[in-house]
Amino acid sequence: MEDLGKHTMKLVANGSSVEVFLDGVSGGSFPFELSAGIFVELGAYAQFMDEDVSGEFDNLSIENVLPCVEGSPSSVLITRAENQEITVTVPRLANDAADISVTIKSNNPDVAIPAGGSNGSITLTFPSGSSNSQTFTAIPTGLGAAEFSVSTDADVCVAGSISVEVISIPEVFLTDDFSGDSVDTAKWRVDETPLNESGTLKPAPQSFIEIQNGEVVIHVEAETPAWPGMALLTVDTYSASLTEPLTFELDRKMVDFVLSSGVSSESRTGMWAMNANGDHVFFVDHTTHDARNFGWRYNRRPGADDNEEIGNGINIPAFDGGSFDNRGDHRMKLVLNGSTAKLFLDDVFGIEVEFPYSEGITLGFGSYADDVGPADPETGEPLGNQTTGNFDNALITGGSVPFVEQGNITGFTIQEGNLVIEWSGNQLLESTSVTGPFAPVAGAVPPNSSIPIEDGARFFIAE
């Protein structure tokens, strides 16, 4: 590539970096945090006085790849009593050139529909030059899962469908802010099972679980490697299903440590979901102190290999870097639906993994230390690595509470001179004034009612 002949050069900028290519071969990506006002230049430069250079260029092409039509959020989880706003965005360059229509359609109107349309479908129109974002509301009509397909009349791509899961209104199974003087033994039991069978911890007072300043402090010092620890597990067990998921939330306030074996020491603080056989998901902050950066990971049994089961675990890329790795206060969350476990940190979705258990589920949290260092020169006893995890504000929800159906008008059409209203609830009401009084529409039953169109204004509500 060092000859003076013909070569094809290419730059690809994405707003944060630019990748360089020569004859189709990438030379790497480099920081270039510009997303607007970008110029392209062709140049030839001589280095010293009286030197000259001649550069010849041909076949220039500058192009922009339009983004896709996208709905955000693309995955929605709501209870039967909630609605969810979803924003649809179209490419600005395409919208500047022409009107764009986007149709949102539910594949399961018995579970969820977009409000304001008919037959489970709504069409949004983006006039040329107007805002390239609009919002619609997803309304639950039952329990289960639905997919909102997204289609457009424009010659642009679509990012994908929008998934909507509707679950029961959950019951609060357990809440604990640890404000007392000791752990509530009606809610929690102590567990000293190590992550590795060979690991043992030093007994109290070197290892302990205490309430300090309204937080649970779980402090562990290793006696023998590897990975002894202590945890608080729920006394009760719980069930989970698709429409009645089990959710466990907890603040991991901080992690501290003593590195008796040097910077190769490791610490783990995290939360558990397990069944009666010990099959589990362990959502964990795997803290290291050298060039390794494990961070937020999960271990799972049964897993694909030892690494997933008892080793360093599987990294969760969504939680890499930034404030996630500050060893500080983070809200951890596990959502179990009888088939999978979804892991969240500070309400950011991380990963969904298999966890096909629906009954007898135990939840908990704990601290674990990995190894021991050299012996204490005075006592001759080995000095163990130490891990301290502070936790607070545990919340477990699941099951369902009774749902009182609320009335909704979800769409309407004009058919053969009649107004056809799509609605749910107990009764459809009408009035000649927006402030009422409202009276029942004779003979109206959900989900569709056909009403003759008459002179004057009429207002309808469903309840």
Protein backbone atom coordinates (compact mmCIF):
# COMPACT_ATOMS: atom_id res chain seq x y z
CA MET A 1 0.00 0.00 0.00
CA GLU A 2 3.04 2.31 -0.10
CA ASP A 3 3.16 2.69 -3.89
CA LEU A 4 2.22 6.01 -5.49
CA GLY A 5 -0.64 4.58 -7.55
CA LYS A 6 -4.38 4.37 -7.24
CA HIS A 7 -6.01 3.61 -3.89
CA THR A 8 -9.55 3.98 -2.60
CA MET A 9 -9.84 5.95 0.65
CA LYS A 10 -12.90 5.99 2.88
CA LEU A 11 -13.93 7.67 6.15
CA VAL A 12 -16.99 6.54 8.14
CA ALA A 13 -18.02 8.90 10.96
CA ASN A 14 -20.79 7.98 13.42
CA GLY A 15 -20.90 11.04 15.67
CA SER A 16 -18.41 9.77 18.21
CA SER A 17 -15.59 8.22 16.16
CA VAL A 18 -14.32 7.88 12.60
CA GLU A 19 -13.15 4.62 11.04
CA VAL A 20 -10.59 4.84 8.22
CA PHE A 21 -10.35 2.43 5.29
CA LEU A 22 -7.83 1.96 2.47
CA ASP A 23 -8.86 -0.29 -0.40
CA GLY A 24 -11.64 -1.69 1.78
CA VAL A 25 -9.32 -2.61 4.68
CA SER A 26 -10.02 -0.94 8.05
CA GLY A 27 -7.14 0.91 9.65
CA GLY A 28 -8.97 1.43 12.95
CA SER A 29 -11.36 3.85 14.63
CA PHE A 30 -10.35 7.14 16.23
CA PRO A 31 -12.19 9.71 18.39
CA PHE A 32 -14.22 12.20 16.33
CA GLU A 33 -17.08 13.52 18.42
CA LEU A 34 -18.83 15.62 15.79
CA SER A 35 -22.37 15.02 14.58
CA ALA A 36 -23.06 18.21 12.58
CA GLY A 37 -21.21 20.89 10.61
CA ILE A 38 -18.77 18.38 9.14
CA PHE A 39 -16.74 19.38 6.06
CA VAL A 40 -14.95 17.06 3.65
CA GLU A 41 -11.68 18.25 2.08
CA LEU A 42 -9.26 16.82 -0.46
CA GLY A 43 -5.67 17.98 -0.09
CA ALA A 44 -2.03 17.60 -1.06
CA TYR A 45 0.77 18.97 1.15
CA ALA A 46 4.51 19.49 0.62
CA GLN A 47 6.76 19.30 3.66
CA PHE A 48 9.75 21.60 3.08
CA MET A 49 10.71 24.68 1.03
CA ASP A 50 10.97 24.10 -2.73
CA GLU A 51 9.37 20.67 -2.50
CA ASP A 52 6.22 20.00 -4.48
CA VAL A 53 3.46 17.39 -4.47
CA SER A 54 0.71 16.50 -6.91
CA GLY A 55 -2.39 14.66 -5.76
CA GLU A 56 -5.08 13.46 -8.17
CA PHE A 57 -8.54 12.50 -6.97
CA ASP A 58 -11.63 11.08 -8.64
CA ASN A 59 -15.04 9.49 -7.99
CA LEU A 60 -15.96 11.34 -4.79
CA SER A 61 -19.07 10.15 -2.94
CA ILE A 62 -20.51 11.60 0.26
CA GLU A 63 -23.54 9.81 1.63
CA ASN A 64 -25.59 9.61 4.78
CA VAL A 65 -27.30 6.43 5.98
CA LEU A 66 -30.73 7.38 7.27
CA PRO A 67 -31.70 6.04 10.68
CA CYS A 68 -34.70 3.73 10.89
CA VAL A 69 -38.21 4.51 12.10
CA GLU A 70 -38.04 3.60 15.78
CA GLY A 71 -40.37 3.24 18.75
CA SER A 72 -39.03 3.99 22.22
CA PRO A 73 -39.15 2.20 24.54
CA SER A 74 -39.06 -0.88 22.34
CA SER A 75 -39.95 -3.16 25.26
CA VAL A 76 -42.77 -2.27 27.64
CA LEU A 77 -43.79 -3.98 30.89
CA ILE A 78 -46.94 -2.58 32.50
CA THR A 79 -49.56 -3.75 34.95
CA ARG A 80 -53.20 -4.12 34.07
CA ALA A 81 -53.89 -0.72 35.65
CA GLU A 82 -51.19 1.25 33.79
CA ASN A 83 -50.77 2.95 30.44
CA GLN A 84 -47.41 3.57 28.73
CA GLU A 85 -46.43 6.41 26.42
CA ILE A 86 -44.29 5.34 23.44
CA THR A 87 -42.44 7.80 21.21
CA VAL A 88 -42.12 7.13 17.48
CA THR A 89 -39.26 8.89 15.66
CA VAL A 90 -38.80 9.07 11.89
CA PRO A 91 -35.61 10.12 10.03
CA ARG A 92 -35.44 13.92 9.96
CA LEU A 93 -33.91 14.12 6.48
CA ALA A 94 -36.67 11.94 5.02
CA ASN A 95 -39.35 13.91 6.86
CA ASP A 96 -37.96 17.21 5.55
CA ALA A 97 -38.49 15.95 2.02
CA ALA A 98 -42.00 14.48 2.30
CA ASP A 99 -44.89 13.56 4.58
CA ILE A 100 -44.38 10.24 6.38
CA SER A 101 -47.09 7.94 7.74
CA VAL A 102 -46.35 5.30 10.37
CA THR A 103 -48.85 2.59 11.32
CA ILE A 104 -48.74 0.88 14.71
CA LYS A 105 -50.78 -2.34 14.97
CA SER A 106 -51.21 -4.78 17.83
CA ASN A 107 -51.06 -8.49 17.00
CA ASN A 108 -53.06 -9.24 20.16
CA PRO A 109 -55.75 -6.59 20.85
CA ASP A 110 -57.01 -8.70 23.76
CA VAL A 111 -53.78 -7.83 25.61
CA ALA A 112 -52.82 -4.29 24.52
CA ILE A 113 -53.71 -1.72 21.86
CA PRO A 114 -52.50 1.73 20.77
CA ALA A 115 -54.98 4.35 21.99
CA GLY A 116 -56.84 6.55 19.54
CA GLY A 117 -57.08 4.15 16.62
CA SER A 118 -59.43 1.34 15.68
CA ASN A 119 -59.21 -2.43 15.39
CA GLY A 120 -56.00 -2.35 17.41
CA SER A 121 -54.23 -0.04 14.95
CA ILE A 122 -53.31 3.64 14.74
CA THR A 123 -51.64 5.66 11.98
CA LEU A 124 -49.42 8.63 12.85
CA THR A 125 -48.82 11.27 10.18
CA PHE A 126 -45.63 13.35 10.19
CA PRO A 127 -46.15 16.36 7.89
CA SER A 128 -43.09 17.46 5.92
CA GLY A 129 -40.90 19.82 7.93
CA SER A 130 -42.75 19.17 11.20
CA SER A 131 -41.43 17.49 14.33
CA ASN A 132 -40.01 14.05 13.54
CA SER A 133 -41.26 12.56 16.86
CA GLN A 134 -44.79 11.77 18.03
CA THR A 135 -46.12 9.92 21.05
CA PHE A 136 -48.96 7.45 21.41
CA THR A 137 -50.25 5.53 24.43
CA ALA A 138 -50.25 1.76 24.83
CA ILE A 139 -53.37 0.67 26.72
CA PRO A 140 -53.68 -2.78 28.36
CA THR A 141 -56.84 -4.73 27.64
CA GLY A 142 -55.87 -8.04 29.26
CA LEU A 143 -52.97 -10.10 30.60
CA GLY A 144 -50.22 -11.56 28.43
CA ALA A 145 -47.88 -10.42 25.65
CA ALA A 146 -48.48 -8.44 22.46
CA GLU A 147 -46.29 -7.17 19.65
CA PHE A 148 -46.94 -3.76 18.11
CA SER A 149 -45.77 -3.94 14.50
CA VAL A 150 -44.37 -0.73 13.01
CA SER A 151 -44.72 -0.01 9.28
CA THR A 152 -44.30 3.09 7.13
CA ASP A 153 -45.08 4.31 3.62
CA ALA A 154 -41.65 5.98 3.38
CA ASP A 155 -38.65 4.39 1.72
CA VAL A 156 -36.77 3.99 5.00
CA CYS A 157 -36.06 1.08 7.31
CA VAL A 158 -37.99 0.20 10.48
CA ALA A 159 -35.99 -0.68 13.60
CA GLY A 160 -38.43 -3.39 14.67
CA SER A 161 -41.61 -4.07 16.56
CA ILE A 162 -42.52 -2.93 20.06
CA SER A 163 -43.11 -5.66 22.63
CA VAL A 164 -45.74 -5.06 25.30
CA GLU A 165 -46.15 -7.32 28.33
CA VAL A 166 -49.15 -6.81 30.59
CA ILE A 167 -48.95 -8.31 34.06
CA SER A 168 -51.18 -8.43 37.10
CA ILE A 169 -51.08 -5.66 39.67
CA PRO A 170 -48.51 -7.11 42.09
CA GLU A 171 -48.91 -7.68 45.79
CA VAL A 172 -46.17 -6.59 48.19
CA PHE A 173 -44.75 -9.79 49.69
CA LEU A 174 -41.90 -8.30 51.70
CA THR A 175 -40.51 -4.88 52.46
CA ASP A 176 -37.65 -4.10 54.84
CA ASP A 177 -35.76 -0.85 55.40
CA PHE A 178 -33.66 -2.45 58.18
CA SER A 179 -34.46 0.33 60.62
CA GLY A 180 -34.40 -1.90 63.71
CA ASP A 181 -31.54 -3.01 65.92
CA SER A 182 -31.27 -6.51 64.44
CA VAL A 183 -32.24 -8.58 61.44
CA ASP A 184 -35.91 -9.59 61.39
CA THR A 185 -35.73 -13.39 61.70
CA ALA A 186 -39.36 -13.70 60.60
CA LYS A 187 -38.24 -12.45 57.17
CA TRP A 188 -34.61 -13.51 56.82
CA ARG A 189 -32.36 -16.45 57.68
CA VAL A 190 -28.56 -16.52 57.65
CA ASP A 191 -26.83 -18.68 55.05
CA GLU A 192 -23.08 -19.44 55.05
CA THR A 193 -22.86 -21.54 51.89
CA PRO A 194 -19.61 -20.69 50.04
CA LEU A 195 -19.47 -20.11 46.31
CA ASN A 196 -16.81 -22.85 46.16
CA GLU A 197 -17.10 -25.96 48.35
CA SER A 198 -13.58 -25.53 49.75
CA GLY A 199 -14.15 -22.02 51.11
CA THR A 200 -14.61 -21.40 54.84
CA LEU A 201 -15.02 -18.12 56.67
CA LYS A 202 -13.71 -17.00 60.03
CA PRO A 203 -16.42 -17.08 62.71
CA ALA A 204 -17.65 -14.05 64.62
CA PRO A 205 -16.42 -11.51 65.41
CA GLN A 206 -14.28 -11.63 62.23
CA SER A 207 -17.35 -12.39 60.10
CA PHE A 208 -20.79 -11.02 60.96
CA ILE A 209 -24.17 -9.70 59.82
CA GLU A 210 -25.36 -6.61 61.67
CA ILE A 211 -27.71 -3.66 61.34
CA GLN A 212 -25.71 -0.42 61.37
CA ASN A 213 -27.22 3.02 60.77
CA GLY A 214 -30.30 1.57 59.10
CA GLU A 215 -28.39 -0.71 56.73
CA VAL A 216 -27.50 -4.40 56.71
CA VAL A 217 -23.74 -4.85 56.94
CA ILE A 218 -22.48 -8.26 55.81
CA HIS A 219 -18.77 -8.60 56.59
CA VAL A 220 -16.81 -11.71 55.65
CA GLU A 221 -13.19 -12.69 56.27
CA ALA A 222 -11.85 -15.79 54.50
CA GLU A 223 -10.38 -18.62 56.58
CA THR A 224 -9.63 -20.92 53.63
CA PRO A 225 -10.13 -20.29 49.91
CA ALA A 226 -12.15 -20.03 47.83
CA TRP A 227 -15.11 -17.71 48.11
CA PRO A 228 -16.63 -18.21 51.56
CA GLY A 229 -19.41 -15.79 52.39
CA MET A 230 -22.58 -14.95 54.26
CA ALA A 231 -26.04 -14.12 52.98
CA LEU A 232 -29.52 -13.31 54.18
CA LEU A 233 -32.12 -15.48 52.45
CA THR A 234 -35.88 -15.15 52.69
CA VAL A 235 -37.68 -17.38 55.18
CA ASP A 236 -40.62 -17.62 52.79
CA THR A 237 -40.51 -18.98 49.26
CA TYR A 238 -42.37 -17.52 46.28
CA SER A 239 -43.80 -18.37 42.89
CA ALA A 240 -43.47 -16.66 39.50
CA SER A 241 -45.29 -16.75 36.16
CA LEU A 242 -45.52 -14.75 32.95
CA THR A 243 -48.53 -12.72 34.09
CA GLU A 244 -47.56 -12.72 37.78
CA PRO A 245 -43.77 -12.16 37.78
CA LEU A 246 -41.73 -12.13 40.97
CA THR A 247 -39.62 -9.00 41.46
CA PHE A 248 -36.80 -8.52 43.98
CA GLU A 249 -35.30 -5.05 44.43
CA LEU A 250 -32.46 -4.03 46.75
CA ASP A 251 -30.03 -1.16 47.28
CA ARG A 252 -26.41 -2.29 47.35
CA LYS A 253 -25.17 0.81 49.18
CA MET A 254 -21.43 0.17 49.03
CA VAL A 255 -18.68 -2.44 48.98
CA ASP A 256 -15.49 -2.25 51.07
CA PHE A 257 -12.56 -4.64 51.39
CA VAL A 258 -9.25 -5.57 52.97
CA LEU A 259 -6.71 -6.98 50.50
CA SER A 260 -4.68 -9.38 52.62
CA SER A 261 -3.34 -11.18 49.55
CA GLY A 262 -2.61 -7.96 47.64
CA VAL A 263 -4.20 -6.44 44.55
CA SER A 264 -5.03 -9.88 43.16
CA SER A 265 -7.79 -10.07 45.80
CA GLU A 266 -11.41 -10.10 44.71
CA SER A 267 -14.77 -9.34 46.34
CA ARG A 268 -18.36 -10.16 45.46
CA THR A 269 -21.57 -8.53 46.66
CA GLY A 270 -24.88 -9.37 45.07
CA MET A 271 -28.41 -10.79 45.15
CA TRP A 272 -29.75 -14.33 44.73
CA ALA A 273 -32.71 -16.15 43.25
CA MET A 274 -32.66 -19.93 43.81
CA ASN A 275 -34.92 -22.96 43.93
CA ALA A 276 -35.03 -25.81 46.44
CA ASN A 277 -32.34 -27.74 44.53
CA GLY A 278 -29.88 -24.85 44.63
CA ASP A 279 -30.30 -23.90 40.96
CA HIS A 280 -29.80 -20.18 40.93
CA VAL A 281 -29.02 -16.83 39.38
CA PHE A 282 -26.50 -14.70 41.30
CA PHE A 283 -26.49 -11.05 40.16
CA VAL A 284 -23.18 -9.74 41.44
CA ASP A 285 -20.70 -6.88 41.50
CA HIS A 286 -17.42 -8.79 41.09
CA THR A 287 -14.89 -6.24 42.35
CA THR A 288 -11.21 -6.47 41.40
CA HIS A 289 -8.23 -4.28 42.27
CA ASP A 290 -5.73 -4.80 39.47
CA ALA A 291 -5.83 -4.57 35.67
CA ARG A 292 -8.78 -6.95 35.51
CA ASN A 293 -12.17 -5.27 35.44
CA PHE A 294 -14.92 -7.81 36.07
CA GLY A 295 -17.66 -5.44 37.32
CA TRP A 296 -21.34 -6.41 37.14
CA ARG A 297 -21.84 -10.03 36.15
CA TYR A 298 -24.01 -13.03 36.80
CA ASN A 299 -23.42 -16.63 37.78
CA ARG A 300 -26.05 -19.23 36.97
CA ARG A 301 -26.56 -22.90 37.74
CA PRO A 302 -26.97 -24.89 35.67
CA GLY A 303 -24.76 -22.91 33.31
CA ALA A 304 -22.97 -23.52 30.07
CA ASP A 305 -19.61 -24.09 31.82
CA ASP A 306 -17.76 -23.72 35.12
CA ASN A 307 -17.10 -20.07 34.43
CA GLU A 308 -20.81 -19.33 34.35
CA GLU A 309 -21.60 -21.55 37.33
CA ILE A 310 -18.84 -20.80 39.90
CA GLY A 311 -16.11 -18.95 38.00
CA ASN A 312 -15.72 -15.27 37.18
CA GLY A 313 -19.23 -15.21 35.76
CA ILE A 314 -20.67 -13.72 32.58
CA ASN A 315 -20.15 -10.02 31.98
CA ILE A 316 -23.18 -7.75 31.45
CA PRO A 317 -22.04 -5.20 28.82
CA ALA A 318 -24.85 -2.75 29.58
CA PHE A 319 -23.26 -2.14 33.00
CA ASP A 320 -19.67 -1.67 31.87
CA GLY A 321 -17.82 1.45 32.99
CA GLY A 322 -19.15 4.84 34.00
CA SER A 323 -20.85 5.26 37.34
CA PHE A 324 -21.77 1.56 37.47
CA ASP A 325 -18.21 0.69 38.57
CA ASN A 326 -17.93 3.16 41.44
CA ARG A 327 -18.47 0.51 44.18
CA GLY A 328 -21.24 2.74 45.49
CA ASP A 329 -25.01 2.93 45.80
CA HIS A 330 -26.93 1.04 43.10
CA ARG A 331 -30.48 -0.31 42.91
CA MET A 332 -30.36 -3.97 41.89
CA LYS A 333 -33.43 -5.74 40.52
CA LEU A 334 -34.32 -9.29 39.46
CA VAL A 335 -37.58 -10.00 37.60
CA LEU A 336 -38.52 -13.70 37.37
CA ASN A 337 -41.38 -14.92 35.17
CA GLY A 338 -41.13 -18.70 35.53
CA SER A 339 -38.95 -19.01 32.43
CA THR A 340 -36.30 -16.30 32.62
CA ALA A 341 -34.65 -13.82 34.94
CA LYS A 342 -34.26 -10.19 33.84
CA LEU A 343 -31.46 -8.21 35.52
CA PHE A 344 -31.65 -4.44 36.02
CA LEU A 345 -29.30 -1.92 37.62
CA ASP A 346 -30.56 1.56 38.46
CA ASP A 347 -33.61 0.75 36.27
CA VAL A 348 -31.34 0.05 33.27
CA PHE A 349 -32.03 -3.33 31.66
CA GLY A 350 -28.94 -5.51 31.52
CA ILE A 351 -29.68 -9.03 30.33
CA GLU A 352 -32.30 -11.79 30.32
CA VAL A 353 -31.14 -15.33 31.16
CA GLU A 354 -32.84 -18.68 31.46
CA PHE A 355 -34.31 -19.48 34.88
CA PRO A 356 -37.10 -22.01 34.27
CA TYR A 357 -38.46 -22.27 37.79
CA SER A 358 -41.88 -21.12 38.92
CA GLU A 359 -42.31 -22.50 42.45
CA GLY A 360 -40.36 -22.58 45.72
CA ILE A 361 -38.13 -19.63 44.86
CA THR A 362 -35.90 -18.19 47.60
CA LEU A 363 -34.44 -14.68 47.31
CA GLY A 364 -31.50 -13.15 49.16
CA PHE A 365 -28.28 -11.13 49.17
CA GLY A 366 -24.75 -11.50 50.50
CA SER A 367 -21.00 -10.79 50.56
CA TYR A 368 -18.13 -13.11 49.59
CA ALA A 369 -14.30 -12.96 49.87
CA ASP A 370 -11.97 -14.99 47.69
CA ASP A 371 -8.65 -15.95 49.32
CA VAL A 372 -6.20 -15.67 52.20
CA GLY A 373 -2.89 -13.90 52.45
CA PRO A 374 0.28 -14.54 54.43
CA ALA A 375 0.15 -15.49 58.10
CA ASP A 376 0.02 -12.87 60.81
CA PRO A 377 3.63 -12.62 62.08
CA GLU A 378 2.41 -12.33 65.69
CA THR A 379 -0.25 -15.07 65.83
CA GLY A 380 0.75 -17.28 62.92
CA GLU A 381 -2.86 -17.33 61.72
CA PRO A 382 -3.56 -16.66 58.06
CA LEU A 383 -4.93 -13.22 57.26
CA GLY A 384 -7.98 -13.57 55.09
CA ASN A 385 -9.24 -11.22 52.43
CA GLN A 386 -12.27 -9.30 53.69
CA THR A 387 -15.42 -8.11 51.94
CA THR A 388 -18.00 -5.76 53.42
CA GLY A 389 -21.32 -5.18 51.69
CA ASN A 390 -23.89 -2.67 52.87
CA PHE A 391 -27.52 -3.22 51.76
CA ASP A 392 -30.84 -1.44 52.27
CA ASN A 393 -34.48 -1.12 51.19
CA ALA A 394 -35.42 -4.66 50.18
CA LEU A 395 -38.70 -5.05 48.27
CA ILE A 396 -40.30 -8.25 46.98
CA THR A 397 -43.49 -8.11 44.92
CA GLY A 398 -45.48 -10.65 42.95
CA GLY A 399 -48.78 -12.44 42.64
CA SER A 400 -51.77 -10.20 41.99
CA VAL A 401 -54.31 -7.99 43.69
CA PRO A 402 -57.88 -7.61 42.41
CA PHE A 403 -58.18 -5.35 39.38
CA VAL A 404 -61.21 -3.09 38.97
CA GLU A 405 -61.79 -2.63 35.27
CA GLN A 406 -61.63 1.01 34.25
CA GLY A 407 -63.58 2.20 31.27
CA ASN A 408 -61.68 3.30 28.16
CA ILE A 409 -62.69 4.53 24.75
CA THR A 410 -59.98 3.05 22.57
CA GLY A 411 -61.07 4.00 19.06
CA PHE A 412 -63.87 4.91 16.68
CA THR A 413 -64.85 4.73 13.01
CA ILE A 414 -67.66 6.00 10.80
CA GLN A 415 -69.62 3.19 9.18
CA GLU A 416 -72.76 3.68 7.05
CA GLY A 417 -73.64 6.94 8.74
CA ASN A 418 -73.13 5.58 12.26
CA LEU A 419 -70.43 6.28 14.81
CA VAL A 420 -68.85 2.96 15.90
CA ILE A 421 -67.10 3.35 19.25
CA GLU A 422 -64.55 0.81 20.53
CA TRP A 423 -64.64 0.77 24.31
CA SER A 424 -64.13 -1.30 27.45
CA GLY A 425 -65.58 -1.10 30.93
CA ASN A 426 -68.99 -1.42 32.54
CA GLN A 427 -71.01 1.15 30.63
CA LEU A 428 -70.83 3.74 27.85
CA LEU A 429 -72.23 7.17 28.75
CA GLU A 430 -73.20 10.18 26.63
CA SER A 431 -74.04 13.85 27.10
CA THR A 432 -74.68 16.95 25.00
CA SER A 433 -72.19 18.86 27.20
CA VAL A 434 -68.57 18.07 27.94
CA THR A 435 -69.27 18.66 31.64
CA GLY A 436 -72.34 16.40 31.71
CA PRO A 437 -74.56 15.17 33.09
CA PHE A 438 -73.87 11.84 31.39
CA ALA A 439 -76.45 9.11 30.90
CA PRO A 440 -76.01 5.49 29.74
CA VAL A 441 -76.21 4.82 26.00
CA ALA A 442 -79.15 2.47 25.55
CA GLY A 443 -78.14 -1.02 24.46
CA ALA A 444 -74.39 -0.30 24.41
CA VAL A 445 -72.16 -3.26 25.23
CA PRO A 446 -68.38 -3.58 24.77
CA PRO A 447 -66.25 -3.90 22.75
CA ASN A 448 -68.12 -2.09 19.92
CA SER A 449 -71.23 0.07 19.88
CA SER A 450 -72.85 1.60 16.79
CA ILE A 451 -74.59 4.92 17.43
CA PRO A 452 -76.57 6.96 14.88
CA ILE A 453 -75.02 10.35 14.10
CA GLU A 454 -77.41 13.17 14.95
CA ASP A 455 -77.32 16.96 14.86
CA GLY A 456 -75.48 18.79 17.63
CA ALA A 457 -72.52 17.92 19.80
CA ARG A 458 -72.39 14.70 21.77
CA PHE A 459 -69.72 13.59 24.23
CA PHE A 460 -68.97 10.02 25.30
CA ILE A 461 -67.12 8.45 28.23
CA ALA A 462 -66.68 4.83 29.34
CA GLU A 463 -66.52 3.73 32.94
